[in-house]
N, C-alpha and C. Protein backbone atom coordinates (compact mmCIF):
# COMPACT_ATOMS: atom_id res chain seq x y z
N UNK A 1 50.81 56.26 -110.77
CA UNK A 1 51.47 55.98 -112.37
C UNK A 1 52.03 54.70 -111.91
N UNK A 2 51.64 53.43 -112.90
CA UNK A 2 52.05 52.22 -113.09
C UNK A 2 53.53 52.30 -113.66
N UNK A 3 54.37 51.27 -113.58
CA UNK A 3 55.42 51.06 -114.25
C UNK A 3 55.53 51.31 -115.61
N UNK A 4 54.65 50.89 -116.34
CA UNK A 4 55.04 51.12 -117.89
C UNK A 4 54.81 52.66 -118.35
N UNK A 5 53.53 52.96 -117.75
CA UNK A 5 53.18 54.38 -118.06
C UNK A 5 54.83 54.99 -117.55
N UNK A 6 55.44 54.57 -116.57
CA UNK A 6 56.70 55.76 -116.16
C UNK A 6 57.58 55.33 -116.64
N UNK A 7 57.84 53.93 -117.36
CA UNK A 7 58.85 54.00 -118.34
C UNK A 7 58.48 54.50 -119.30
N UNK A 8 57.16 54.41 -120.20
CA UNK A 8 56.99 55.55 -121.38
C UNK A 8 57.54 56.82 -121.45
N UNK A 9 56.92 57.40 -120.06
CA UNK A 9 57.40 58.88 -119.97
C UNK A 9 58.79 59.08 -120.15
N UNK A 10 59.72 58.18 -119.26
CA UNK A 10 60.99 58.56 -119.12
C UNK A 10 61.88 57.88 -120.53
N UNK A 11 61.23 57.16 -121.74
CA UNK A 11 61.43 56.31 -122.58
C UNK A 11 61.65 58.00 -124.01
N UNK A 12 60.16 58.71 -123.29
CA UNK A 12 60.27 60.38 -124.26
C UNK A 12 61.32 61.34 -123.91
N UNK A 13 61.26 60.80 -122.47
CA UNK A 13 62.61 62.12 -121.87
C UNK A 13 63.94 61.84 -122.42
N UNK A 14 64.28 60.35 -122.74
CA UNK A 14 65.25 60.21 -123.25
C UNK A 14 65.31 60.43 -124.57
N UNK A 15 64.54 60.17 -125.39
CA UNK A 15 64.36 60.54 -127.07
C UNK A 15 64.57 62.10 -126.98
N UNK A 16 63.83 62.85 -126.35
CA UNK A 16 63.89 64.40 -126.45
C UNK A 16 65.66 64.59 -126.12
N UNK A 17 66.27 64.13 -125.44
CA UNK A 17 67.27 64.47 -124.67
C UNK A 17 68.34 64.34 -126.02
N UNK A 18 68.00 62.85 -126.27
CA UNK A 18 69.20 62.30 -127.41
C UNK A 18 69.02 63.40 -128.66
N UNK A 19 67.70 63.36 -128.80
CA UNK A 19 67.55 64.45 -130.31
C UNK A 19 68.18 65.87 -130.00
N UNK A 20 68.61 66.33 -128.95
CA UNK A 20 68.88 67.48 -128.71
C UNK A 20 70.49 67.80 -128.83
N UNK A 21 70.96 66.23 -128.40
CA UNK A 21 72.14 66.53 -127.85
C UNK A 21 72.73 65.57 -128.77
N UNK A 22 72.50 64.77 -129.22
CA UNK A 22 72.64 63.69 -130.22
C UNK A 22 73.42 62.56 -129.76
N UNK A 23 73.61 62.47 -128.51
CA UNK A 23 73.89 61.33 -127.50
C UNK A 23 73.20 61.00 -126.56
N UNK A 24 73.35 59.58 -126.19
CA UNK A 24 72.35 59.28 -124.85
C UNK A 24 73.68 59.30 -123.72
N UNK A 25 74.82 60.43 -123.69
CA UNK A 25 75.28 60.12 -122.68
C UNK A 25 74.95 60.92 -121.60
N UNK A 26 74.30 60.67 -120.78
CA UNK A 26 73.00 61.71 -119.89
C UNK A 26 73.61 61.83 -118.90
N UNK A 27 74.19 63.07 -118.12
CA UNK A 27 74.90 63.52 -116.80
C UNK A 27 74.22 62.81 -115.75
N UNK A 28 74.71 62.49 -114.55
CA UNK A 28 74.23 61.67 -113.26
C UNK A 28 73.18 62.53 -112.78
N UNK A 29 73.43 63.65 -112.84
CA UNK A 29 72.55 64.66 -112.42
C UNK A 29 71.59 65.29 -113.28
N UNK A 30 71.16 65.07 -114.21
CA UNK A 30 70.44 65.89 -115.58
C UNK A 30 69.09 65.38 -114.89
N UNK A 31 68.19 67.03 -114.95
CA UNK A 31 67.24 66.50 -114.99
C UNK A 31 66.59 66.99 -116.28
N UNK A 32 65.48 66.37 -117.11
CA UNK A 32 65.35 67.07 -118.28
C UNK A 32 63.73 66.89 -118.15
N UNK A 33 63.08 68.49 -118.46
CA UNK A 33 61.87 68.86 -118.77
C UNK A 33 60.88 68.57 -119.96
N UNK A 34 60.16 67.87 -119.31
CA UNK A 34 59.32 67.01 -120.52
C UNK A 34 57.61 67.41 -119.80
N UNK A 35 57.19 68.06 -120.60
CA UNK A 35 55.81 68.07 -120.64
C UNK A 35 55.73 69.09 -119.21
N UNK A 36 56.36 70.07 -119.21
CA UNK A 36 56.49 70.81 -117.94
C UNK A 36 56.42 69.97 -116.99
N UNK A 37 56.96 69.00 -116.70
CA UNK A 37 57.38 67.87 -115.63
C UNK A 37 58.85 68.04 -115.58
N UNK A 38 59.50 67.77 -114.50
CA UNK A 38 60.92 67.47 -113.97
C UNK A 38 61.17 65.94 -113.85
N UNK A 39 61.72 65.68 -114.96
CA UNK A 39 62.32 64.42 -115.24
C UNK A 39 63.79 64.22 -114.41
N UNK A 40 64.05 63.00 -113.86
CA UNK A 40 65.07 62.73 -112.79
C UNK A 40 65.90 62.04 -113.92
N UNK A 41 66.29 62.40 -115.52
CA UNK A 41 66.55 61.31 -116.18
C UNK A 41 68.08 60.49 -116.19
N UNK A 42 68.97 61.34 -115.60
CA UNK A 42 70.46 60.92 -115.28
C UNK A 42 70.37 59.46 -114.27
N UNK A 43 69.52 60.24 -113.14
CA UNK A 43 69.41 58.90 -112.13
C UNK A 43 68.85 57.93 -112.73
N UNK A 44 67.60 57.61 -113.55
CA UNK A 44 67.08 56.82 -114.31
C UNK A 44 67.69 56.13 -114.98
N UNK A 45 68.70 56.62 -115.95
CA UNK A 45 69.28 55.79 -116.96
C UNK A 45 70.15 55.17 -115.97
N UNK A 46 71.15 55.67 -114.61
CA UNK A 46 71.69 54.82 -114.24
C UNK A 46 71.26 53.51 -113.35
N UNK A 47 69.82 53.77 -113.34
CA UNK A 47 68.84 52.85 -112.85
C UNK A 47 68.72 51.73 -113.81
N UNK A 48 68.64 52.12 -115.08
CA UNK A 48 68.16 51.28 -115.66
C UNK A 48 69.17 50.39 -116.35
N UNK A 49 70.32 50.56 -116.39
CA UNK A 49 71.74 50.01 -116.17
C UNK A 49 71.87 49.04 -115.46
N UNK A 50 71.84 49.55 -114.28
CA UNK A 50 72.11 48.86 -112.94
C UNK A 50 71.07 47.51 -112.47
N UNK A 51 69.58 47.76 -113.02
CA UNK A 51 68.55 46.38 -113.34
C UNK A 51 68.90 46.01 -114.39
N UNK A 52 69.65 45.72 -115.53
CA UNK A 52 69.98 45.22 -116.86
C UNK A 52 70.99 44.05 -115.92
N UNK A 53 72.20 44.74 -115.38
CA UNK A 53 73.65 44.42 -114.94
C UNK A 53 72.90 43.23 -113.85
N UNK A 54 72.19 43.61 -112.90
CA UNK A 54 71.56 42.82 -112.28
C UNK A 54 70.40 41.80 -112.51
N UNK A 55 70.43 41.70 -114.05
CA UNK A 55 69.41 40.74 -114.52
C UNK A 55 67.70 41.11 -114.04
N UNK A 56 67.50 41.85 -114.13
CA UNK A 56 66.14 42.52 -113.50
C UNK A 56 65.52 43.42 -114.15
N UNK A 57 65.75 43.69 -115.52
CA UNK A 57 65.22 44.52 -116.48
C UNK A 57 64.50 43.77 -117.23
N UNK A 58 63.25 44.05 -117.61
CA UNK A 58 62.29 42.89 -118.50
C UNK A 58 63.10 43.35 -119.49
N UNK A 59 62.58 41.93 -120.29
CA UNK A 59 63.32 42.26 -122.09
C UNK A 59 62.60 43.33 -122.92
N UNK A 60 61.50 43.46 -122.49
CA UNK A 60 61.16 44.67 -123.47
C UNK A 60 61.40 46.24 -123.19
N UNK A 61 61.72 46.31 -121.79
CA UNK A 61 62.32 47.26 -121.46
C UNK A 61 63.86 47.62 -122.32
N UNK A 62 64.83 46.18 -122.27
CA UNK A 62 66.23 46.18 -122.80
C UNK A 62 65.84 46.49 -124.05
N UNK A 63 64.78 45.97 -124.89
CA UNK A 63 64.69 46.29 -126.42
C UNK A 63 64.20 47.82 -126.88
N UNK A 64 63.38 48.37 -125.55
CA UNK A 64 63.07 50.03 -125.89
C UNK A 64 64.13 50.88 -125.79
N UNK A 65 65.29 50.24 -124.93
CA UNK A 65 66.36 51.18 -124.96
C UNK A 65 67.48 50.85 -125.95
N UNK A 66 67.67 49.82 -126.22
CA UNK A 66 68.51 49.51 -127.43
C UNK A 66 67.88 50.34 -128.92
N UNK A 67 66.70 50.68 -129.00
CA UNK A 67 66.33 51.45 -129.96
C UNK A 67 66.52 52.98 -129.82
N UNK A 68 67.04 53.49 -128.93
CA UNK A 68 67.64 54.67 -128.40
C UNK A 68 68.93 54.85 -129.20
N UNK A 69 69.19 56.08 -130.10
CA UNK A 69 70.27 56.24 -130.68
C UNK A 69 71.26 56.70 -130.05
N UNK A 70 72.22 55.69 -129.63
CA UNK A 70 73.63 56.30 -129.07
C UNK A 70 73.40 55.53 -127.41
N UNK A 71 72.77 54.52 -127.56
CA UNK A 71 72.16 53.84 -126.18
C UNK A 71 73.57 52.90 -126.23
N UNK A 72 74.22 52.98 -124.73
CA UNK A 72 75.27 51.82 -124.03
C UNK A 72 74.55 51.32 -123.12
N UNK A 73 75.15 49.91 -122.62
CA UNK A 73 75.10 49.62 -121.38
C UNK A 73 76.12 49.80 -120.60
N UNK A 74 77.15 50.09 -120.95
CA UNK A 74 78.43 50.38 -120.34
C UNK A 74 78.44 51.58 -119.88
N UNK A 75 79.84 51.80 -119.27
CA UNK A 75 80.18 53.12 -118.65
C UNK A 75 80.34 54.07 -119.98
N UNK A 76 80.04 55.36 -119.84
CA UNK A 76 79.76 56.14 -120.33
C UNK A 76 81.33 56.77 -121.13
N UNK A 77 82.19 56.71 -120.10
CA UNK A 77 83.45 57.40 -120.46
C UNK A 77 84.70 55.92 -119.25
N UNK A 78 85.35 55.68 -120.00
CA UNK A 78 86.19 54.58 -119.35
C UNK A 78 86.96 55.33 -118.45
N UNK A 79 86.92 54.89 -116.84
CA UNK A 79 87.46 55.86 -115.79
C UNK A 79 88.89 55.05 -115.64
N UNK A 80 89.72 55.55 -114.45
CA UNK A 80 90.60 55.41 -113.92
C UNK A 80 90.23 54.18 -113.65
N UNK A 81 91.86 53.15 -113.73
CA UNK A 81 91.41 51.64 -113.21
C UNK A 81 91.63 51.40 -111.90
N UNK A 82 91.71 52.26 -111.07
CA UNK A 82 91.57 51.93 -109.96
C UNK A 82 91.08 53.57 -108.97
N UNK A 83 90.35 53.36 -107.72
CA UNK A 83 90.16 54.52 -107.20
C UNK A 83 90.73 55.22 -106.85
N UNK A 84 92.03 54.92 -106.32
CA UNK A 84 93.25 55.74 -106.08
C UNK A 84 93.37 56.78 -107.13
N UNK A 85 93.36 56.21 -108.08
CA UNK A 85 93.71 57.15 -109.65
C UNK A 85 92.50 58.04 -109.66
N UNK A 86 91.20 57.81 -109.82
CA UNK A 86 89.96 58.18 -109.53
C UNK A 86 90.28 59.51 -108.28
N UNK A 87 90.02 58.78 -107.89
CA UNK A 87 89.98 60.35 -106.21
C UNK A 87 91.06 61.11 -106.73
N UNK A 88 92.31 60.79 -107.19
CA UNK A 88 93.37 61.69 -107.28
C UNK A 88 93.07 62.52 -108.32
N UNK A 89 92.27 62.48 -108.96
CA UNK A 89 91.51 63.04 -110.41
C UNK A 89 90.78 64.35 -109.95
N UNK A 90 89.77 63.25 -109.15
CA UNK A 90 88.86 64.05 -108.60
C UNK A 90 88.85 65.46 -107.71
N UNK A 91 90.03 64.97 -106.68
CA UNK A 91 90.64 65.95 -106.03
C UNK A 91 91.66 66.67 -106.59
N UNK A 92 92.14 66.63 -107.77
CA UNK A 92 92.84 67.88 -108.77
C UNK A 92 92.05 68.75 -109.29
N UNK A 93 90.74 68.38 -110.17
CA UNK A 93 89.98 69.13 -110.03
C UNK A 93 89.21 69.74 -109.09
N UNK A 94 88.62 69.43 -108.05
CA UNK A 94 88.50 70.38 -107.26
C UNK A 94 89.53 71.26 -106.65
N UNK A 95 90.74 71.13 -106.85
CA UNK A 95 91.58 72.15 -105.96
C UNK A 95 91.47 73.25 -107.43
N UNK A 96 91.33 72.69 -108.38
CA UNK A 96 91.37 73.76 -109.45
C UNK A 96 90.11 74.35 -110.11
N UNK A 97 89.23 74.16 -108.99
CA UNK A 97 88.08 74.97 -108.81
C UNK A 97 86.90 74.64 -109.49
N UNK A 98 86.87 73.45 -109.70
CA UNK A 98 85.71 72.58 -110.23
C UNK A 98 84.67 72.37 -108.89
N UNK A 99 83.46 72.78 -109.72
CA UNK A 99 82.40 72.26 -108.48
C UNK A 99 82.02 70.58 -108.07
N UNK A 100 81.57 70.59 -107.45
CA UNK A 100 81.07 69.36 -106.83
C UNK A 100 80.26 68.58 -108.15
N UNK A 101 79.06 69.18 -108.55
CA UNK A 101 78.21 69.03 -109.60
C UNK A 101 79.26 68.63 -111.05
N UNK A 102 79.88 69.71 -111.01
CA UNK A 102 80.91 69.02 -112.29
C UNK A 102 81.48 68.15 -112.29
N UNK A 103 82.29 67.93 -111.16
CA UNK A 103 83.07 66.56 -110.87
C UNK A 103 82.01 65.39 -111.27
N UNK A 104 81.20 65.19 -110.40
CA UNK A 104 79.97 64.52 -110.41
C UNK A 104 79.95 64.36 -112.05
N UNK A 105 79.46 65.01 -112.59
CA UNK A 105 79.32 64.61 -114.02
C UNK A 105 80.23 64.20 -114.78
N UNK A 106 81.37 64.59 -114.55
CA UNK A 106 82.41 64.09 -114.96
C UNK A 106 83.15 62.64 -114.70
N UNK A 107 82.53 61.97 -113.79
CA UNK A 107 82.89 60.66 -113.31
C UNK A 107 81.71 60.14 -113.47
N UNK A 108 80.74 60.12 -113.42
CA UNK A 108 79.24 59.82 -113.48
C UNK A 108 79.00 59.30 -111.81
N UNK A 109 79.30 59.90 -110.94
CA UNK A 109 79.00 59.45 -109.79
C UNK A 109 78.31 60.48 -108.91
N UNK A 110 77.98 60.06 -107.92
CA UNK A 110 76.80 61.11 -106.90
C UNK A 110 77.49 62.08 -106.58
N UNK A 111 76.96 63.46 -106.51
CA UNK A 111 77.77 64.30 -105.75
C UNK A 111 78.05 64.02 -104.19
N UNK A 112 77.37 63.30 -103.36
CA UNK A 112 77.34 62.90 -102.19
C UNK A 112 78.51 61.93 -102.35
N UNK A 113 78.89 61.63 -103.24
CA UNK A 113 80.19 60.62 -103.33
C UNK A 113 81.47 61.19 -103.46
N UNK A 114 81.22 62.64 -104.30
CA UNK A 114 82.44 63.30 -104.76
C UNK A 114 82.83 64.25 -103.50
N UNK A 115 81.68 64.87 -102.55
CA UNK A 115 82.17 65.29 -101.48
C UNK A 115 82.54 64.46 -100.22
N UNK A 116 82.39 63.16 -100.43
CA UNK A 116 82.95 62.47 -99.16
C UNK A 116 84.61 61.94 -99.62
N UNK A 117 84.57 62.03 -100.78
CA UNK A 117 85.86 61.78 -100.99
C UNK A 117 87.10 63.37 -100.91
N UNK A 118 86.61 64.36 -101.47
CA UNK A 118 87.17 65.32 -101.10
C UNK A 118 87.21 65.95 -99.45
N UNK A 119 86.27 65.77 -99.16
CA UNK A 119 85.93 65.27 -97.24
C UNK A 119 87.12 64.82 -96.62
N UNK A 120 87.13 63.55 -97.23
CA UNK A 120 87.59 62.67 -96.52
C UNK A 120 89.87 62.88 -96.71
N UNK A 121 90.09 63.48 -97.49
CA UNK A 121 91.30 64.21 -98.04
C UNK A 121 91.40 65.20 -97.66
N UNK A 122 90.99 66.23 -96.88
CA UNK A 122 90.73 67.07 -96.20
C UNK A 122 92.12 67.09 -95.12
N UNK A 123 92.97 68.13 -94.41
CA UNK A 123 93.65 68.13 -93.84
C UNK A 123 93.43 68.35 -92.44
């Protein structure tokens, strides 16, 4: 599948998600089902934002994404100003029984990173 076809497929998945959720705040680990296929939409959205930030996203792709209702280029939620604050909140959530996936989605970071933070703070 060429890049333009793949991009169109992900745009359709994003449109499907936004029409169902009324926003474009796709969790990092979200998988959307489109035409009986699993679309790793959360990872793709993050990748598109990163490519734009690095000046590597074609203008046509930027325009298409800007047409999506609720689309933003910045972080979905303003996080703690410092990693230490974020990490403390992650540890607090974990200690109150939240799963790694729930924490990952809340902070829009990978499950692997959440696991590393939790593991490095175990005694």
